[in-house]
Amino acid sequence: MSLLIGILITFLVVILVLYLINMLPLDGRAKQIARIIVIIIGVISLLKYLAVF
């Protein structure tokens, strides 16, 4: 059960950070780079919860 909660929290945090990045007054290229970094970090943390790493 804690595995599911950890995955859900990670997913929600990634969505929240992506939403906040959209609200920042940055140009398109900087937003795209920030989104890619957040998604990569989110995928890595999800893989840690699934014990792949």
PDB file of N, CA and C in Angstrom:
ATOM      1  N   MET A   1       0.819  -1.195   0.000  1.00  0.00           N
ATOM      2  CA  MET A   1       0.000   0.000   0.000  1.00  0.00           C
ATOM      3  C   MET A   1       0.864   1.262   0.000  1.00  0.00           C
ATOM      4  N   SER A   2       1.989   1.234   0.726  1.00  0.00           N
ATOM      5  CA  SER A   2       2.845   2.420   0.758  1.00  0.00           C
ATOM      6  C   SER A   2       3.512   2.650  -0.600  1.00  0.00           C
ATOM      7  N   LEU A   3       3.717   1.590  -1.364  1.00  0.00           N
ATOM      8  CA  LEU A   3       4.270   1.737  -2.711  1.00  0.00           C
ATOM      9  C   LEU A   3       3.323   2.555  -3.579  1.00  0.00           C
ATOM     10  N   LEU A   4       2.045   2.237  -3.502  1.00  0.00           N
ATOM     11  CA  LEU A   4       1.044   2.960  -4.286  1.00  0.00           C
ATOM     12  C   LEU A   4       0.951   4.417  -3.860  1.00  0.00           C
ATOM     13  N   ILE A   5       1.015   4.672  -2.570  1.00  0.00           N
ATOM     14  CA  ILE A   5       0.967   6.044  -2.069  1.00  0.00           C
ATOM     15  C   ILE A   5       2.196   6.823  -2.529  1.00  0.00           C
ATOM     16  N   GLY A   6       3.366   6.210  -2.482  1.00  0.00           N
ATOM     17  CA  GLY A   6       4.590   6.869  -2.938  1.00  0.00           C
ATOM     18  C   GLY A   6       4.542   7.213  -4.412  1.00  0.00           C
ATOM     19  N   ILE A   7       4.035   6.298  -5.219  1.00  0.00           N
ATOM     20  CA  ILE A   7       3.915   6.554  -6.657  1.00  0.00           C
ATOM     21  C   ILE A   7       2.920   7.676  -6.916  1.00  0.00           C
ATOM     22  N   LEU A   8       1.810   7.662  -6.208  1.00  0.00           N
ATOM     23  CA  LEU A   8       0.796   8.698  -6.379  1.00  0.00           C
ATOM     24  C   LEU A   8       1.318  10.071  -5.972  1.00  0.00           C
ATOM     25  N   ILE A   9       2.031  10.142  -4.864  1.00  0.00           N
ATOM     26  CA  ILE A   9       2.602  11.420  -4.412  1.00  0.00           C
ATOM     27  C   ILE A   9       3.626  11.933  -5.415  1.00  0.00           C
ATOM     28  N   THR A  10       4.473  11.051  -5.917  1.00  0.00           N
ATOM     29  CA  THR A  10       5.464  11.455  -6.916  1.00  0.00           C
ATOM     30  C   THR A  10       4.782  11.994  -8.168  1.00  0.00           C
ATOM     31  N   PHE A  11       3.757  11.303  -8.622  1.00  0.00           N
ATOM     32  CA  PHE A  11       3.022  11.731  -9.809  1.00  0.00           C
ATOM     33  C   PHE A  11       2.386  13.107  -9.592  1.00  0.00           C
ATOM     34  N   LEU A  12       1.775  13.310  -8.434  1.00  0.00           N
ATOM     35  CA  LEU A  12       1.144  14.593  -8.141  1.00  0.00           C
ATOM     36  C   LEU A  12       2.159  15.725  -8.037  1.00  0.00           C
ATOM     37  N   VAL A  13       3.312  15.449  -7.453  1.00  0.00           N
ATOM     38  CA  VAL A  13       4.354  16.469  -7.342  1.00  0.00           C
ATOM     39  C   VAL A  13       4.867  16.862  -8.726  1.00  0.00           C
ATOM     40  N   VAL A  14       5.061  15.887  -9.599  1.00  0.00           N
ATOM     41  CA  VAL A  14       5.527  16.179 -10.960  1.00  0.00           C
ATOM     42  C   VAL A  14       4.503  17.048 -11.692  1.00  0.00           C
ATOM     43  N   ILE A  15       3.219  16.710 -11.567  1.00  0.00           N
ATOM     44  CA  ILE A  15       2.179  17.511 -12.220  1.00  0.00           C
ATOM     45  C   ILE A  15       2.151  18.927 -11.656  1.00  0.00           C
ATOM     46  N   LEU A  16       2.270  19.061 -10.342  1.00  0.00           N
ATOM     47  CA  LEU A  16       2.271  20.381  -9.725  1.00  0.00           C
ATOM     48  C   LEU A  16       3.454  21.222 -10.198  1.00  0.00           C
ATOM     49  N   VAL A  17       4.635  20.622 -10.255  1.00  0.00           N
ATOM     50  CA  VAL A  17       5.820  21.360 -10.693  1.00  0.00           C
ATOM     51  C   VAL A  17       5.687  21.761 -12.160  1.00  0.00           C
ATOM     52  N   LEU A  18       5.149  20.876 -12.990  1.00  0.00           N
ATOM     53  CA  LEU A  18       4.941  21.229 -14.397  1.00  0.00           C
ATOM     54  C   LEU A  18       3.949  22.382 -14.533  1.00  0.00           C
ATOM     55  N   TYR A  19       2.909  22.382 -13.712  1.00  0.00           N
ATOM     56  CA  TYR A  19       1.943  23.489 -13.724  1.00  0.00           C
ATOM     57  C   TYR A  19       2.619  24.796 -13.305  1.00  0.00           C
ATOM     58  N   LEU A  20       3.438  24.738 -12.268  1.00  0.00           N
ATOM     59  CA  LEU A  20       4.126  25.942 -11.801  1.00  0.00           C
ATOM     60  C   LEU A  20       5.120  26.456 -12.838  1.00  0.00           C
ATOM     61  N   ILE A  21       5.758  25.549 -13.565  1.00  0.00           N
ATOM     62  CA  ILE A  21       6.679  25.969 -14.625  1.00  0.00           C
ATOM     63  C   ILE A  21       5.914  26.726 -15.710  1.00  0.00           C
ATOM     64  N   ASN A  22       4.699  26.267 -16.017  1.00  0.00           N
ATOM     65  CA  ASN A  22       3.889  26.970 -17.019  1.00  0.00           C
ATOM     66  C   ASN A  22       3.535  28.375 -16.573  1.00  0.00           C
ATOM     67  N   MET A  23       3.427  28.605 -15.275  1.00  0.00           N
ATOM     68  CA  MET A  23       3.070  29.921 -14.753  1.00  0.00           C
ATOM     69  C   MET A  23       4.254  30.894 -14.732  1.00  0.00           C
ATOM     70  N   LEU A  24       5.470  30.391 -14.828  1.00  0.00           N
ATOM     71  CA  LEU A  24       6.640  31.260 -14.782  1.00  0.00           C
ATOM     72  C   LEU A  24       6.756  32.081 -16.059  1.00  0.00           C
ATOM     73  N   PRO A  25       7.210  33.319 -15.923  1.00  0.00           N
ATOM     74  CA  PRO A  25       7.374  34.162 -17.122  1.00  0.00           C
ATOM     75  C   PRO A  25       8.706  33.897 -17.831  1.00  0.00           C
ATOM     76  N   LEU A  26       8.836  32.710 -18.375  1.00  0.00           N
ATOM     77  CA  LEU A  26      10.050  32.332 -19.109  1.00  0.00           C
ATOM     78  C   LEU A  26       9.723  32.226 -20.595  1.00  0.00           C
ATOM     79  N   ASP A  27      10.767  32.225 -21.410  1.00  0.00           N
ATOM     80  CA  ASP A  27      10.531  32.015 -22.831  1.00  0.00           C
ATOM     81  C   ASP A  27      10.278  30.525 -23.090  1.00  0.00           C
ATOM     82  N   GLY A  28       9.823  30.218 -24.279  1.00  0.00           N
ATOM     83  CA  GLY A  28       9.414  28.857 -24.612  1.00  0.00           C
ATOM     84  C   GLY A  28      10.516  27.821 -24.483  1.00  0.00           C
ATOM     85  N   ARG A  29      11.714  28.202 -24.872  1.00  0.00           N
ATOM     86  CA  ARG A  29      12.835  27.251 -24.835  1.00  0.00           C
ATOM     87  C   ARG A  29      13.188  26.889 -23.389  1.00  0.00           C
ATOM     88  N   ALA A  30      13.217  27.873 -22.505  1.00  0.00           N
ATOM     89  CA  ALA A  30      13.542  27.613 -21.100  1.00  0.00           C
ATOM     90  C   ALA A  30      12.455  26.759 -20.448  1.00  0.00           C
ATOM     91  N   LYS A  31      11.191  27.019 -20.781  1.00  0.00           N
ATOM     92  CA  LYS A  31      10.104  26.203 -20.239  1.00  0.00           C
ATOM     93  C   LYS A  31      10.216  24.763 -20.706  1.00  0.00           C
ATOM     94  N   GLN A  32      10.570  24.586 -21.974  1.00  0.00           N
ATOM     95  CA  GLN A  32      10.689  23.239 -22.516  1.00  0.00           C
ATOM     96  C   GLN A  32      11.818  22.480 -21.829  1.00  0.00           C
ATOM     97  N   ILE A  33      12.945  23.117 -21.604  1.00  0.00           N
ATOM     98  CA  ILE A  33      14.070  22.481 -20.917  1.00  0.00           C
ATOM     99  C   ILE A  33      13.692  22.131 -19.485  1.00  0.00           C
ATOM    100  N   ALA A  34      13.000  23.041 -18.799  1.00  0.00           N
ATOM    101  CA  ALA A  34      12.584  22.782 -17.420  1.00  0.00           C
ATOM    102  C   ALA A  34      11.594  21.624 -17.365  1.00  0.00           C
ATOM    103  N   ARG A  35      10.668  21.572 -18.313  1.00  0.00           N
ATOM    104  CA  ARG A  35       9.704  20.454 -18.352  1.00  0.00           C
ATOM    105  C   ARG A  35      10.410  19.125 -18.547  1.00  0.00           C
ATOM    106  N   ILE A  36      11.377  19.087 -19.454  1.00  0.00           N
ATOM    107  CA  ILE A  36      12.099  17.844 -19.718  1.00  0.00           C
ATOM    108  C   ILE A  36      12.854  17.391 -18.474  1.00  0.00           C
ATOM    109  N   ILE A  37      13.495  18.324 -17.784  1.00  0.00           N
ATOM    110  CA  ILE A  37      14.240  17.981 -16.570  1.00  0.00           C
ATOM    111  C   ILE A  37      13.303  17.432 -15.504  1.00  0.00           C
ATOM    112  N   VAL A  38      12.148  18.074 -15.304  1.00  0.00           N
ATOM    113  CA  VAL A  38      11.191  17.615 -14.292  1.00  0.00           C
ATOM    114  C   VAL A  38      10.655  16.235 -14.644  1.00  0.00           C
ATOM    115  N   ILE A  39      10.355  15.998 -15.904  1.00  0.00           N
ATOM    116  CA  ILE A  39       9.838  14.693 -16.312  1.00  0.00           C
ATOM    117  C   ILE A  39      10.887  13.612 -16.118  1.00  0.00           C
ATOM    118  N   ILE A  40      12.137  13.894 -16.447  1.00  0.00           N
ATOM    119  CA  ILE A  40      13.204  12.908 -16.253  1.00  0.00           C
ATOM    120  C   ILE A  40      13.376  12.584 -14.777  1.00  0.00           C
ATOM    121  N   ILE A  41      13.384  13.601 -13.929  1.00  0.00           N
ATOM    122  CA  ILE A  41      13.508  13.371 -12.488  1.00  0.00           C
ATOM    123  C   ILE A  41      12.312  12.582 -11.970  1.00  0.00           C
ATOM    124  N   GLY A  42      11.123  12.895 -12.460  1.00  0.00           N
ATOM    125  CA  GLY A  42       9.928  12.159 -12.047  1.00  0.00           C
ATOM    126  C   GLY A  42       9.980  10.700 -12.448  1.00  0.00           C
ATOM    127  N   VAL A  43      10.411  10.419 -13.663  1.00  0.00           N
ATOM    128  CA  VAL A  43      10.511   9.034 -14.124  1.00  0.00           C
ATOM    129  C   VAL A  43      11.554   8.272 -13.311  1.00  0.00           C
ATOM    130  N   ILE A  44      12.668   8.911 -13.027  1.00  0.00           N
ATOM    131  CA  ILE A  44      13.706   8.247 -12.225  1.00  0.00           C
ATOM    132  C   ILE A  44      13.198   7.931 -10.821  1.00  0.00           C
ATOM    133  N   SER A  45      12.476   8.872 -10.222  1.00  0.00           N
ATOM    134  CA  SER A  45      11.960   8.609  -8.872  1.00  0.00           C
ATOM    135  C   SER A  45      10.880   7.529  -8.898  1.00  0.00           C
ATOM    136  N   LEU A  46      10.055   7.487  -9.944  1.00  0.00           N
ATOM    137  CA  LEU A  46       9.074   6.409 -10.055  1.00  0.00           C
ATOM    138  C   LEU A  46       9.763   5.057 -10.223  1.00  0.00           C
ATOM    139  N   LEU A  47      10.836   5.029 -10.993  1.00  0.00           N
ATOM    140  CA  LEU A  47      11.580   3.788 -11.153  1.00  0.00           C
ATOM    141  C   LEU A  47      12.223   3.341  -9.840  1.00  0.00           C
ATOM    142  N   LYS A  48      12.625   4.289  -9.008  1.00  0.00           N
ATOM    143  CA  LYS A  48      13.161   3.943  -7.687  1.00  0.00           C
ATOM    144  C   LYS A  48      12.079   3.312  -6.818  1.00  0.00           C
ATOM    145  N   TYR A  49      10.853   3.852  -6.896  1.00  0.00           N
ATOM    146  CA  TYR A  49       9.760   3.246  -6.130  1.00  0.00           C
ATOM    147  C   TYR A  49       9.461   1.829  -6.602  1.00  0.00           C
ATOM    148  N   LEU A  50       9.629   1.582  -7.877  1.00  0.00           N
ATOM    149  CA  LEU A  50       9.370   0.251  -8.417  1.00  0.00           C
ATOM    150  C   LEU A  50      10.577  -0.671  -8.286  1.00  0.00           C
ATOM    151  N   ALA A  51      11.614  -0.198  -7.604  1.00  0.00           N
ATOM    152  CA  ALA A  51      12.825  -0.979  -7.304  1.00  0.00           C
ATOM    153  C   ALA A  51      13.574  -1.406  -8.568  1.00  0.00           C
ATOM    154  N   VAL A  52      13.534  -0.577  -9.591  1.00  0.00           N
ATOM    155  CA  VAL A  52      14.323  -0.849 -10.792  1.00  0.00           C
ATOM    156  C   VAL A  52      15.762  -0.402 -10.558  1.00  0.00           C
ATOM    157  N   PHE A  53      15.930   0.721  -9.839  1.00  0.00           N
ATOM    158  CA  PHE A  53      17.268   1.203  -9.508  1.00  0.00           C
ATOM    159  C   PHE A  53      17.574   0.866  -8.065  1.00  0.00           C
TER     160      PHE A  53
END
